[in-house]
Amino acid sequence: MLKVLLSVLIAAVSLTAAAAEKYPSRPIRMVVGLPPGGPTDLAARLTGQKLTDALGIEPEGNTPEEFARQVREETAKWGRIIKAAGVRPN
């Protein structure tokens, strides 16, 4: 019993360490759909700076056209997933 418990503990520690090394495994996209200069923009910029400090990633700015493209892409992607799952509003 002790060997099984020890094996599970070692596996859990190994998986946790492996997962921590790869985070983030893909880019983190932070979308702020409001114009620059307002309180939401300020909060997003401060959050982006904290992400840079903590994770070593750099936030990227984009234009309103790029934001609209991202919204279309995400809507299409999640729309397909929702339809495939058969989710319907009540």
C-alpha atoms as a PDB file:
ATOM      1  CA  MET A   1       0.000   0.000   0.000  1.00  0.00           C
ATOM      2  CA  LEU A   2       2.836   2.346   0.864  1.00  0.00           C
ATOM      3  CA  LYS A   3       4.501   1.693  -2.508  1.00  0.00           C
ATOM      4  CA  VAL A   4       1.291   2.585  -4.364  1.00  0.00           C
ATOM      5  CA  LEU A   5       0.835   5.772  -2.371  1.00  0.00           C
ATOM      6  CA  LEU A   6       4.459   6.746  -2.944  1.00  0.00           C
ATOM      7  CA  SER A   7       4.137   6.041  -6.685  1.00  0.00           C
ATOM      8  CA  VAL A   8       1.022   8.197  -6.949  1.00  0.00           C
ATOM      9  CA  LEU A   9       2.720  11.003  -5.049  1.00  0.00           C
ATOM     10  CA  ILE A  10       5.794  10.895  -7.307  1.00  0.00           C
ATOM     11  CA  ALA A  11       3.604  10.880 -10.426  1.00  0.00           C
ATOM     12  CA  ALA A  12       1.592  13.853  -9.166  1.00  0.00           C
ATOM     13  CA  VAL A  13       4.721  15.873  -8.417  1.00  0.00           C
ATOM     14  CA  SER A  14       6.185  15.010 -11.825  1.00  0.00           C
ATOM     15  CA  LEU A  15       3.029  16.032 -13.659  1.00  0.00           C
ATOM     16  CA  THR A  16       2.784  19.270 -11.707  1.00  0.00           C
ATOM     17  CA  ALA A  17       6.384  20.166 -12.477  1.00  0.00           C
ATOM     18  CA  ALA A  18       5.948  19.329 -16.164  1.00  0.00           C
ATOM     19  CA  ALA A  19       2.779  21.421 -16.390  1.00  0.00           C
ATOM     20  CA  ALA A  20       4.424  24.387 -14.670  1.00  0.00           C
ATOM     21  CA  GLU A  21       7.315  24.406 -17.146  1.00  0.00           C
ATOM     22  CA  LYS A  22       5.046  24.760 -20.180  1.00  0.00           C
ATOM     23  CA  TYR A  23       2.740  27.499 -18.869  1.00  0.00           C
ATOM     24  CA  PRO A  24       1.623  29.386 -20.830  1.00  0.00           C
ATOM     25  CA  SER A  25       1.819  26.896 -23.663  1.00  0.00           C
ATOM     26  CA  ARG A  26       0.158  29.292 -26.114  1.00  0.00           C
ATOM     27  CA  PRO A  27      -0.193  33.069 -26.371  1.00  0.00           C
ATOM     28  CA  ILE A  28      -2.538  34.766 -23.944  1.00  0.00           C
ATOM     29  CA  ARG A  29      -4.918  37.139 -25.720  1.00  0.00           C
ATOM     30  CA  MET A  30      -6.291  40.013 -23.706  1.00  0.00           C
ATOM     31  CA  VAL A  31      -9.044  41.879 -25.537  1.00  0.00           C
ATOM     32  CA  VAL A  32     -10.234  45.334 -24.475  1.00  0.00           C
ATOM     33  CA  GLY A  33     -13.083  46.446 -26.677  1.00  0.00           C
ATOM     34  CA  LEU A  34     -13.164  50.045 -25.499  1.00  0.00           C
ATOM     35  CA  PRO A  35     -11.224  53.070 -26.753  1.00  0.00           C
ATOM     36  CA  PRO A  36      -7.803  53.897 -25.320  1.00  0.00           C
ATOM     37  CA  GLY A  37      -7.393  56.420 -22.533  1.00  0.00           C
ATOM     38  CA  GLY A  38     -10.306  55.389 -20.340  1.00  0.00           C
ATOM     39  CA  PRO A  39     -10.338  53.557 -17.014  1.00  0.00           C
ATOM     40  CA  THR A  40     -10.796  50.179 -18.708  1.00  0.00           C
ATOM     41  CA  ASP A  41      -7.744  50.805 -20.884  1.00  0.00           C
ATOM     42  CA  LEU A  42      -5.722  51.817 -17.833  1.00  0.00           C
ATOM     43  CA  ALA A  43      -6.746  48.676 -15.947  1.00  0.00           C
ATOM     44  CA  ALA A  44      -5.885  46.523 -18.976  1.00  0.00           C
ATOM     45  CA  ARG A  45      -2.482  48.146 -19.330  1.00  0.00           C
ATOM     46  CA  LEU A  46      -1.709  47.606 -15.636  1.00  0.00           C
ATOM     47  CA  THR A  47      -2.852  43.995 -15.883  1.00  0.00           C
ATOM     48  CA  GLY A  48      -0.721  43.542 -19.002  1.00  0.00           C
ATOM     49  CA  GLN A  49       2.293  44.889 -17.140  1.00  0.00           C
ATOM     50  CA  LYS A  50       1.687  42.455 -14.274  1.00  0.00           C
ATOM     51  CA  LEU A  51       1.458  39.590 -16.786  1.00  0.00           C
ATOM     52  CA  THR A  52       4.727  40.711 -18.329  1.00  0.00           C
ATOM     53  CA  ASP A  53       6.411  40.782 -14.928  1.00  0.00           C
ATOM     54  CA  ALA A  54       4.971  37.460 -13.745  1.00  0.00           C
ATOM     55  CA  LEU A  55       5.050  35.366 -16.931  1.00  0.00           C
ATOM     56  CA  GLY A  56       7.530  37.126 -19.161  1.00  0.00           C
ATOM     57  CA  ILE A  57       5.016  37.713 -21.950  1.00  0.00           C
ATOM     58  CA  GLU A  58       4.544  40.940 -23.852  1.00  0.00           C
ATOM     59  CA  PRO A  59       1.027  42.286 -24.517  1.00  0.00           C
ATOM     60  CA  GLU A  60       0.273  43.330 -28.074  1.00  0.00           C
ATOM     61  CA  GLY A  61      -1.936  46.204 -29.101  1.00  0.00           C
ATOM     62  CA  ASN A  62      -4.266  46.006 -32.061  1.00  0.00           C
ATOM     63  CA  THR A  63      -6.473  48.157 -34.220  1.00  0.00           C
ATOM     64  CA  PRO A  64     -10.282  48.237 -34.202  1.00  0.00           C
ATOM     65  CA  GLU A  65     -10.196  46.220 -37.432  1.00  0.00           C
ATOM     66  CA  GLU A  66      -8.078  43.511 -35.798  1.00  0.00           C
ATOM     67  CA  PHE A  67     -10.431  43.496 -32.818  1.00  0.00           C
ATOM     68  CA  ALA A  68     -13.429  43.029 -35.142  1.00  0.00           C
ATOM     69  CA  ARG A  69     -11.607  40.165 -36.887  1.00  0.00           C
ATOM     70  CA  GLN A  70     -10.878  38.509 -33.525  1.00  0.00           C
ATOM     71  CA  VAL A  71     -14.527  38.809 -32.497  1.00  0.00           C
ATOM     72  CA  ARG A  72     -15.666  37.223 -35.796  1.00  0.00           C
ATOM     73  CA  GLU A  73     -13.160  34.379 -35.433  1.00  0.00           C
ATOM     74  CA  GLU A  74     -14.097  33.654 -31.826  1.00  0.00           C
ATOM     75  CA  THR A  75     -17.824  33.826 -32.589  1.00  0.00           C
ATOM     76  CA  ALA A  76     -17.429  31.387 -35.466  1.00  0.00           C
ATOM     77  CA  LYS A  77     -15.238  29.023 -33.418  1.00  0.00           C
ATOM     78  CA  TRP A  78     -17.438  28.943 -30.330  1.00  0.00           C
ATOM     79  CA  GLY A  79     -20.629  28.896 -32.408  1.00  0.00           C
ATOM     80  CA  ARG A  80     -19.482  25.630 -34.019  1.00  0.00           C
ATOM     81  CA  ILE A  81     -18.576  24.150 -30.640  1.00  0.00           C
ATOM     82  CA  ILE A  82     -21.918  25.132 -29.102  1.00  0.00           C
ATOM     83  CA  LYS A  83     -23.875  23.735 -32.062  1.00  0.00           C
ATOM     84  CA  ALA A  84     -21.862  20.491 -32.018  1.00  0.00           C
ATOM     85  CA  ALA A  85     -22.570  20.113 -28.277  1.00  0.00           C
ATOM     86  CA  GLY A  86     -26.290  20.623 -28.892  1.00  0.00           C
ATOM     87  CA  VAL A  87     -26.568  23.500 -26.418  1.00  0.00           C
ATOM     88  CA  ARG A  88     -29.807  25.442 -26.742  1.00  0.00           C
ATOM     89  CA  PRO A  89     -30.996  28.484 -24.795  1.00  0.00           C
ATOM     90  CA  ASN A  90     -34.029  28.050 -22.581  1.00  0.00           C
END
